[in-house]
Amino acid sequence: MSGVPKVLVVDDEMKIARLVRDYLTEAGFDVALASTGPAAVAAVRSDRPDLVVLDLGLPGMDGYDVTRHIRGQSTIPIIMLTARSEETDRIVGLELGADDYVVKPFSPRELVARVKAVLRRTGGEVATETIRVLDLLVSLPNRSVERDGSRIELTATEFELLRTLASNPGRVFTRGQLLDSISGVSFESYERAIDAHIKNLRKKLEPDPRRPRYVLTVYGVGYKFSDA
């Protein structure tokens, strides 16, 4: 990511979309709007935004389907924006690959803060460390992960979780600590979201996600990275 970050806001309620656009523009972002699912998929493919703010209740294709399409071609960060507040809805969105979740009604300033926090995960400080555990190689400066020489594509959130865990092998992190490590902004914590992100990370990282070798569960506490 270089220059002014580009954000695609996808919402069929134009009053909300324009409000979000105005706040993001004031914060220094280049903002484009889309009002349908197919338009969002096309915009991601053609315009290559740095982040998508995505409403779930869209005509033509809902936000879940849009997320599936985006994740089929890109690891671009996604913040879901929805009126649905049930835990199962949030878990589904996160397991599909969303990086964050904001429930309507929301504070535009909070949304801007979350956009900045998620983008910091992809364009933060340059690191110089390479971490090798078993057959896994994590390059912090390149933000790349390989297992047995094969590249593993992670979302920004998944990489930040892996960075936190792998940089401290053997250390046990609570869900709250992991949430803090990936958010970078103060808001009402939703600690169970970490479980969804860990599940996604294991699917990509582990040869057998049901018997993890790298990201280990410490029951009743949280997670740790293998120090083998």
C-alpha atoms as a PDB file:
ATOM      1  CA  MET A   1       0.000   0.000   0.000  1.00  0.00           C
ATOM      2  CA  SER A   2       1.405   3.395  -1.000  1.00  0.00           C
ATOM      3  CA  GLY A   3       0.060   6.937  -1.277  1.00  0.00           C
ATOM      4  CA  VAL A   4      -3.483   7.707  -0.128  1.00  0.00           C
ATOM      5  CA  PRO A   5      -5.249   4.521   1.044  1.00  0.00           C
ATOM      6  CA  LYS A   6      -8.305   3.592  -1.030  1.00  0.00           C
ATOM      7  CA  VAL A   7     -11.431   2.423   0.783  1.00  0.00           C
ATOM      8  CA  LEU A   8     -14.477   0.907  -0.915  1.00  0.00           C
ATOM      9  CA  VAL A   9     -17.704   1.459   1.045  1.00  0.00           C
ATOM     10  CA  VAL A  10     -20.474  -0.958   0.082  1.00  0.00           C
ATOM     11  CA  ASP A  11     -23.966  -0.160   1.391  1.00  0.00           C
ATOM     12  CA  ASP A  12     -27.340   0.158  -0.339  1.00  0.00           C
ATOM     13  CA  GLU A  13     -28.476   2.761   2.198  1.00  0.00           C
ATOM     14  CA  MET A  14     -26.971   5.789   0.490  1.00  0.00           C
ATOM     15  CA  LYS A  15     -27.448   8.060   3.497  1.00  0.00           C
ATOM     16  CA  ILE A  16     -25.194   5.773   5.541  1.00  0.00           C
ATOM     17  CA  ALA A  17     -22.757   5.233   2.676  1.00  0.00           C
ATOM     18  CA  ARG A  18     -22.332   8.975   2.128  1.00  0.00           C
ATOM     19  CA  LEU A  19     -21.928   9.588   5.866  1.00  0.00           C
ATOM     20  CA  VAL A  20     -19.166   6.979   6.063  1.00  0.00           C
ATOM     21  CA  ARG A  21     -17.578   8.400   2.901  1.00  0.00           C
ATOM     22  CA  ASP A  22     -17.548  11.921   4.334  1.00  0.00           C
ATOM     23  CA  TYR A  23     -15.897  10.852   7.594  1.00  0.00           C
ATOM     24  CA  LEU A  24     -13.310   8.698   5.813  1.00  0.00           C
ATOM     25  CA  THR A  25     -12.572  11.447   3.294  1.00  0.00           C
ATOM     26  CA  GLU A  26     -12.084  13.933   6.124  1.00  0.00           C
ATOM     27  CA  ALA A  27      -9.648  11.440   7.679  1.00  0.00           C
ATOM     28  CA  GLY A  28      -7.580  11.448   4.485  1.00  0.00           C
ATOM     29  CA  PHE A  29      -8.826   8.380   2.620  1.00  0.00           C
ATOM     30  CA  ASP A  30      -9.719   8.040  -1.061  1.00  0.00           C
ATOM     31  CA  VAL A  31     -13.267   6.640  -0.929  1.00  0.00           C
ATOM     32  CA  ALA A  32     -15.408   4.931  -3.561  1.00  0.00           C
ATOM     33  CA  LEU A  33     -18.994   3.740  -3.137  1.00  0.00           C
ATOM     34  CA  ALA A  34     -20.904   0.673  -4.323  1.00  0.00           C
ATOM     35  CA  SER A  35     -24.525  -0.184  -3.544  1.00  0.00           C
ATOM     36  CA  THR A  36     -24.877  -3.821  -4.650  1.00  0.00           C
ATOM     37  CA  GLY A  37     -22.991  -7.062  -4.148  1.00  0.00           C
ATOM     38  CA  PRO A  38     -22.041  -7.550  -7.821  1.00  0.00           C
ATOM     39  CA  ALA A  39     -20.848  -3.926  -8.034  1.00  0.00           C
ATOM     40  CA  ALA A  40     -18.653  -4.492  -4.986  1.00  0.00           C
ATOM     41  CA  VAL A  41     -17.048  -7.613  -6.467  1.00  0.00           C
ATOM     42  CA  ALA A  42     -16.403  -5.770  -9.739  1.00  0.00           C
ATOM     43  CA  ALA A  43     -14.929  -2.744  -7.921  1.00  0.00           C
ATOM     44  CA  VAL A  44     -12.548  -4.902  -5.891  1.00  0.00           C
ATOM     45  CA  ARG A  45     -11.364  -6.597  -9.080  1.00  0.00           C
ATOM     46  CA  SER A  46     -10.909  -3.407 -11.118  1.00  0.00           C
ATOM     47  CA  ASP A  47      -9.997  -0.720  -8.567  1.00  0.00           C
ATOM     48  CA  ARG A  48      -7.985  -2.802  -6.090  1.00  0.00           C
ATOM     49  CA  PRO A  49      -8.913  -0.852  -2.933  1.00  0.00           C
ATOM     50  CA  ASP A  50      -6.829  -1.186   0.220  1.00  0.00           C
ATOM     51  CA  LEU A  51      -9.847  -1.988   2.398  1.00  0.00           C
ATOM     52  CA  VAL A  52     -13.573  -2.724   2.024  1.00  0.00           C
ATOM     53  CA  VAL A  53     -16.297  -1.558   4.417  1.00  0.00           C
ATOM     54  CA  LEU A  54     -19.047  -4.038   3.581  1.00  0.00           C
ATOM     55  CA  ASP A  55     -22.711  -4.061   4.574  1.00  0.00           C
ATOM     56  CA  LEU A  56     -24.293  -7.515   4.840  1.00  0.00           C
ATOM     57  CA  GLY A  57     -27.826  -6.687   3.662  1.00  0.00           C
ATOM     58  CA  LEU A  58     -27.130  -5.980  -0.011  1.00  0.00           C
ATOM     59  CA  PRO A  59     -29.334  -6.479  -3.089  1.00  0.00           C
ATOM     60  CA  GLY A  60     -28.222  -8.954  -5.713  1.00  0.00           C
ATOM     61  CA  MET A  61     -25.669 -10.679  -3.513  1.00  0.00           C
ATOM     62  CA  ASP A  62     -25.438 -10.393   0.268  1.00  0.00           C
ATOM     63  CA  GLY A  63     -22.318  -9.435   2.174  1.00  0.00           C
ATOM     64  CA  TYR A  64     -21.474 -13.041   3.019  1.00  0.00           C
ATOM     65  CA  ASP A  65     -21.387 -13.973  -0.677  1.00  0.00           C
ATOM     66  CA  VAL A  66     -19.380 -10.854  -1.495  1.00  0.00           C
ATOM     67  CA  THR A  67     -16.867 -11.853   1.174  1.00  0.00           C
ATOM     68  CA  ARG A  68     -16.602 -15.341  -0.303  1.00  0.00           C
ATOM     69  CA  HIS A  69     -15.934 -13.871  -3.755  1.00  0.00           C
ATOM     70  CA  ILE A  70     -13.338 -11.425  -2.446  1.00  0.00           C
ATOM     71  CA  ARG A  71     -11.555 -14.080  -0.409  1.00  0.00           C
ATOM     72  CA  GLY A  72     -11.440 -16.258  -3.516  1.00  0.00           C
ATOM     73  CA  GLN A  73      -9.158 -13.714  -5.188  1.00  0.00           C
ATOM     74  CA  SER A  74      -7.700 -11.430  -2.514  1.00  0.00           C
ATOM     75  CA  THR A  75      -6.650 -11.022   1.121  1.00  0.00           C
ATOM     76  CA  ILE A  76      -7.789  -7.376   1.131  1.00  0.00           C
ATOM     77  CA  PRO A  77      -9.022  -6.336   4.613  1.00  0.00           C
ATOM     78  CA  ILE A  78     -12.810  -6.387   5.100  1.00  0.00           C
ATOM     79  CA  ILE A  79     -14.795  -4.649   7.832  1.00  0.00           C
ATOM     80  CA  MET A  80     -18.374  -5.900   7.907  1.00  0.00           C
ATOM     81  CA  LEU A  81     -21.092  -3.346   8.601  1.00  0.00           C
ATOM     82  CA  THR A  82     -24.490  -4.709   9.566  1.00  0.00           C
ATOM     83  CA  ALA A  83     -27.635  -4.363  11.626  1.00  0.00           C
ATOM     84  CA  ARG A  84     -27.325  -7.997  12.693  1.00  0.00           C
ATOM     85  CA  SER A  85     -26.097  -8.316  16.262  1.00  0.00           C
ATOM     86  CA  GLU A  86     -26.465 -12.032  16.925  1.00  0.00           C
ATOM     87  CA  GLU A  87     -23.239 -13.811  17.847  1.00  0.00           C
ATOM     88  CA  THR A  88     -23.777 -16.457  15.168  1.00  0.00           C
ATOM     89  CA  ASP A  89     -23.938 -13.770  12.457  1.00  0.00           C
ATOM     90  CA  ARG A  90     -20.686 -12.252  13.649  1.00  0.00           C
ATOM     91  CA  ILE A  91     -18.972 -15.636  13.818  1.00  0.00           C
ATOM     92  CA  VAL A  92     -20.087 -16.529  10.280  1.00  0.00           C
ATOM     93  CA  GLY A  93     -18.706 -13.251   8.939  1.00  0.00           C
ATOM     94  CA  LEU A  94     -15.394 -13.647  10.711  1.00  0.00           C
ATOM     95  CA  GLU A  95     -15.004 -17.281   9.679  1.00  0.00           C
ATOM     96  CA  LEU A  96     -15.577 -16.271   6.066  1.00  0.00           C
ATOM     97  CA  GLY A  97     -12.547 -14.023   6.396  1.00  0.00           C
ATOM     98  CA  ALA A  98     -13.769 -10.624   7.592  1.00  0.00           C
ATOM     99  CA  ASP A  99     -11.184  -8.750   9.653  1.00  0.00           C
ATOM    100  CA  ASP A 100     -13.566  -6.786  11.843  1.00  0.00           C
ATOM    101  CA  TYR A 101     -17.270  -6.332  12.499  1.00  0.00           C
ATOM    102  CA  VAL A 102     -19.251  -3.137  13.281  1.00  0.00           C
ATOM    103  CA  VAL A 103     -22.911  -3.307  14.299  1.00  0.00           C
ATOM    104  CA  LYS A 104     -25.399  -0.600  13.313  1.00  0.00           C
ATOM    105  CA  PRO A 105     -26.091   1.926  14.716  1.00  0.00           C
ATOM    106  CA  PHE A 106     -22.419   2.836  14.985  1.00  0.00           C
ATOM    107  CA  SER A 107     -20.230   5.847  15.588  1.00  0.00           C
ATOM    108  CA  PRO A 108     -18.621   7.053  12.324  1.00  0.00           C
ATOM    109  CA  ARG A 109     -15.559   8.090  14.298  1.00  0.00           C
ATOM    110  CA  GLU A 110     -15.235   4.586  15.718  1.00  0.00           C
ATOM    111  CA  LEU A 111     -15.489   3.134  12.221  1.00  0.00           C
ATOM    112  CA  VAL A 112     -12.735   5.478  11.009  1.00  0.00           C
ATOM    113  CA  ALA A 113     -10.580   4.367  13.952  1.00  0.00           C
ATOM    114  CA  ARG A 114     -11.149   0.721  13.064  1.00  0.00           C
ATOM    115  CA  VAL A 115     -10.287   1.348   9.410  1.00  0.00           C
ATOM    116  CA  LYS A 116      -7.021   2.979  10.489  1.00  0.00           C
ATOM    117  CA  ALA A 117      -6.269   0.110  12.874  1.00  0.00           C
ATOM    118  CA  VAL A 118      -6.839  -2.576  10.253  1.00  0.00           C
ATOM    119  CA  LEU A 119      -4.741  -0.721   7.666  1.00  0.00           C
ATOM    120  CA  ARG A 120      -1.896  -0.407  10.185  1.00  0.00           C
ATOM    121  CA  ARG A 121      -1.703  -4.187  10.150  1.00  0.00           C
ATOM    122  CA  THR A 122      -0.797  -4.137   6.452  1.00  0.00           C
ATOM    123  CA  GLY A 123       1.409  -1.068   6.370  1.00  0.00           C
ATOM    124  CA  GLY A 124       2.975  -0.785   9.788  1.00  0.00           C
ATOM    125  CA  GLU A 125       6.555  -0.632  10.914  1.00  0.00           C
ATOM    126  CA  VAL A 126       9.204  -2.452   8.899  1.00  0.00           C
ATOM    127  CA  ALA A 127      10.409  -5.502  10.740  1.00  0.00           C
ATOM    128  CA  THR A 128      13.731  -7.273  10.356  1.00  0.00           C
ATOM    129  CA  GLU A 129      12.994 -10.625  11.899  1.00  0.00           C
ATOM    130  CA  THR A 130      12.406 -14.001  10.334  1.00  0.00           C
ATOM    131  CA  ILE A 131      10.848 -16.677  12.517  1.00  0.00           C
ATOM    132  CA  ARG A 132      11.325 -20.386  11.837  1.00  0.00           C
ATOM    133  CA  VAL A 133       9.429 -23.025  13.811  1.00  0.00           C
ATOM    134  CA  LEU A 134       9.452 -26.640  12.667  1.00  0.00           C
ATOM    135  CA  ASP A 135       8.824 -26.431   8.890  1.00  0.00           C
ATOM    136  CA  LEU A 136       7.146 -23.013   9.094  1.00  0.00           C
ATOM    137  CA  LEU A 137       8.922 -19.815   7.990  1.00  0.00           C
ATOM    138  CA  VAL A 138       7.447 -16.416   8.899  1.00  0.00           C
ATOM    139  CA  SER A 139       9.102 -13.361   7.338  1.00  0.00           C
ATOM    140  CA  LEU A 140       8.009 -10.216   9.181  1.00  0.00           C
ATOM    141  CA  PRO A 141       9.503  -7.653   6.752  1.00  0.00           C
ATOM    142  CA  ASN A 142       7.905  -9.376   3.757  1.00  0.00           C
ATOM    143  CA  ARG A 143       4.708 -10.250   5.654  1.00  0.00           C
ATOM    144  CA  SER A 144       4.984 -13.717   4.130  1.00  0.00           C
ATOM    145  CA  VAL A 145       4.497 -17.242   5.444  1.00  0.00           C
ATOM    146  CA  GLU A 146       5.800 -20.501   3.982  1.00  0.00           C
ATOM    147  CA  ARG A 147       5.442 -24.123   5.011  1.00  0.00           C
ATOM    148  CA  ASP A 148       7.811 -26.582   3.357  1.00  0.00           C
ATOM    149  CA  GLY A 149       8.595 -23.897   0.783  1.00  0.00           C
ATOM    150  CA  SER A 150       4.941 -23.361  -0.189  1.00  0.00           C
ATOM    151  CA  ARG A 151       3.521 -19.853   0.236  1.00  0.00           C
ATOM    152  CA  ILE A 152       0.502 -19.455   2.549  1.00  0.00           C
ATOM    153  CA  GLU A 153      -1.731 -16.440   1.926  1.00  0.00           C
ATOM    154  CA  LEU A 154      -3.033 -14.819   5.118  1.00  0.00           C
ATOM    155  CA  THR A 155      -5.323 -11.867   5.689  1.00  0.00           C
ATOM    156  CA  ALA A 156      -3.943  -8.864   7.585  1.00  0.00           C
ATOM    157  CA  THR A 157      -5.652  -9.975  10.785  1.00  0.00           C
ATOM    158  CA  GLU A 158      -4.443 -13.563  10.476  1.00  0.00           C
ATOM    159  CA  PHE A 159      -0.869 -12.384   9.906  1.00  0.00           C
ATOM    160  CA  GLU A 160      -0.943 -10.077  12.933  1.00  0.00           C
ATOM    161  CA  LEU A 161      -2.231 -12.915  15.100  1.00  0.00           C
ATOM    162  CA  LEU A 162       0.531 -15.174  13.801  1.00  0.00           C
ATOM    163  CA  ARG A 163       3.127 -12.418  14.312  1.00  0.00           C
ATOM    164  CA  THR A 164       2.078 -11.977  17.944  1.00  0.00           C
ATOM    165  CA  LEU A 165       2.049 -15.700  18.716  1.00  0.00           C
ATOM    166  CA  ALA A 166       5.127 -16.743  16.720  1.00  0.00           C
ATOM    167  CA  SER A 167       7.223 -13.868  18.092  1.00  0.00           C
ATOM    168  CA  ASN A 168       6.610 -15.267  21.588  1.00  0.00           C
ATOM    169  CA  PRO A 169       6.787 -19.069  21.299  1.00  0.00           C
ATOM    170  CA  GLY A 170       5.515 -20.834  24.391  1.00  0.00           C
ATOM    171  CA  ARG A 171       3.886 -17.718  25.842  1.00  0.00           C
ATOM    172  CA  VAL A 172       0.177 -18.097  26.583  1.00  0.00           C
ATOM    173  CA  PHE A 173      -2.038 -15.250  25.353  1.00  0.00           C
ATOM    174  CA  THR A 174      -5.584 -14.687  26.531  1.00  0.00           C
ATOM    175  CA  ARG A 175      -8.231 -13.853  23.947  1.00  0.00           C
ATOM    176  CA  GLY A 176      -8.301 -10.302  25.244  1.00  0.00           C
ATOM    177  CA  GLN A 177      -4.555  -9.898  24.771  1.00  0.00           C
ATOM    178  CA  LEU A 178      -4.765 -11.231  21.217  1.00  0.00           C
ATOM    179  CA  LEU A 179      -7.683  -8.933  20.463  1.00  0.00           C
ATOM    180  CA  ASP A 180      -5.612  -5.971  21.663  1.00  0.00           C
ATOM    181  CA  SER A 181      -2.676  -7.070  19.505  1.00  0.00           C
ATOM    182  CA  ILE A 182      -4.726  -6.981  16.296  1.00  0.00           C
ATOM    183  CA  SER A 183      -6.969  -4.013  16.962  1.00  0.00           C
ATOM    184  CA  GLY A 184      -4.750  -1.128  17.941  1.00  0.00           C
ATOM    185  CA  VAL A 185      -7.841   0.856  18.944  1.00  0.00           C
ATOM    186  CA  SER A 186     -10.025   0.916  22.025  1.00  0.00           C
ATOM    187  CA  PHE A 187     -13.561  -0.369  21.537  1.00  0.00           C
ATOM    188  CA  GLU A 188     -15.906  -2.852  23.123  1.00  0.00           C
ATOM    189  CA  SER A 189     -14.067  -6.134  22.961  1.00  0.00           C
ATOM    190  CA  TYR A 190     -15.574  -9.187  21.349  1.00  0.00           C
ATOM    191  CA  GLU A 191     -13.144 -11.831  22.531  1.00  0.00           C
ATOM    192  CA  ARG A 192     -14.876 -14.791  20.887  1.00  0.00           C
ATOM    193  CA  ALA A 193     -13.960 -13.244  17.529  1.00  0.00           C
ATOM    194  CA  ILE A 194     -10.425 -14.469  18.202  1.00  0.00           C
ATOM    195  CA  ASP A 195     -11.653 -18.073  18.067  1.00  0.00           C
ATOM    196  CA  ALA A 196     -12.961 -17.508  14.527  1.00  0.00           C
ATOM    197  CA  HIS A 197      -9.683 -15.939  13.397  1.00  0.00           C
ATOM    198  CA  ILE A 198      -7.662 -18.750  15.005  1.00  0.00           C
ATOM    199  CA  LYS A 199      -9.856 -21.314  13.243  1.00  0.00           C
ATOM    200  CA  ASN A 200      -9.160 -19.635   9.891  1.00  0.00           C
ATOM    201  CA  LEU A 201      -5.448 -19.398  10.651  1.00  0.00           C
ATOM    202  CA  ARG A 202      -5.262 -23.088  11.493  1.00  0.00           C
ATOM    203  CA  LYS A 203      -7.067 -24.058   8.278  1.00  0.00           C
ATOM    204  CA  LYS A 204      -4.309 -22.361   6.303  1.00  0.00           C
ATOM    205  CA  LEU A 205      -1.336 -23.106   8.543  1.00  0.00           C
ATOM    206  CA  GLU A 206      -1.793 -26.582   9.923  1.00  0.00           C
ATOM    207  CA  PRO A 207      -1.371 -29.820   7.940  1.00  0.00           C
ATOM    208  CA  ASP A 208      -4.208 -31.183  10.122  1.00  0.00           C
ATOM    209  CA  PRO A 209      -6.218 -28.342  11.736  1.00  0.00           C
ATOM    210  CA  ARG A 210      -7.876 -30.830  14.095  1.00  0.00           C
ATOM    211  CA  ARG A 211      -4.454 -31.713  15.517  1.00  0.00           C
ATOM    212  CA  PRO A 212      -2.566 -28.397  15.419  1.00  0.00           C
ATOM    213  CA  ARG A 213       1.232 -28.323  15.539  1.00  0.00           C
ATOM    214  CA  TYR A 214       1.793 -24.572  15.637  1.00  0.00           C
ATOM    215  CA  VAL A 215      -1.132 -22.670  17.156  1.00  0.00           C
ATOM    216  CA  LEU A 216      -2.049 -24.526  20.324  1.00  0.00           C
ATOM    217  CA  THR A 217      -5.055 -24.121  22.606  1.00  0.00           C
ATOM    218  CA  VAL A 218      -4.461 -23.653  26.325  1.00  0.00           C
ATOM    219  CA  TYR A 219      -7.859 -24.646  27.684  1.00  0.00           C
ATOM    220  CA  GLY A 220      -9.481 -22.115  29.968  1.00  0.00           C
ATOM    221  CA  VAL A 221      -6.880 -19.460  29.118  1.00  0.00           C
ATOM    222  CA  GLY A 222      -6.270 -18.838  25.417  1.00  0.00           C
ATOM    223  CA  TYR A 223      -3.641 -19.761  22.824  1.00  0.00           C
ATOM    224  CA  LYS A 224       0.091 -20.138  22.412  1.00  0.00           C
ATOM    225  CA  PHE A 225       2.580 -20.849  19.615  1.00  0.00           C
ATOM    226  CA  SER A 226       4.584 -24.045  19.707  1.00  0.00           C
ATOM    227  CA  ASP A 227       8.043 -23.729  21.202  1.00  0.00           C
ATOM    228  CA  ALA A 228       9.137 -27.124  19.877  1.00  0.00           C
END
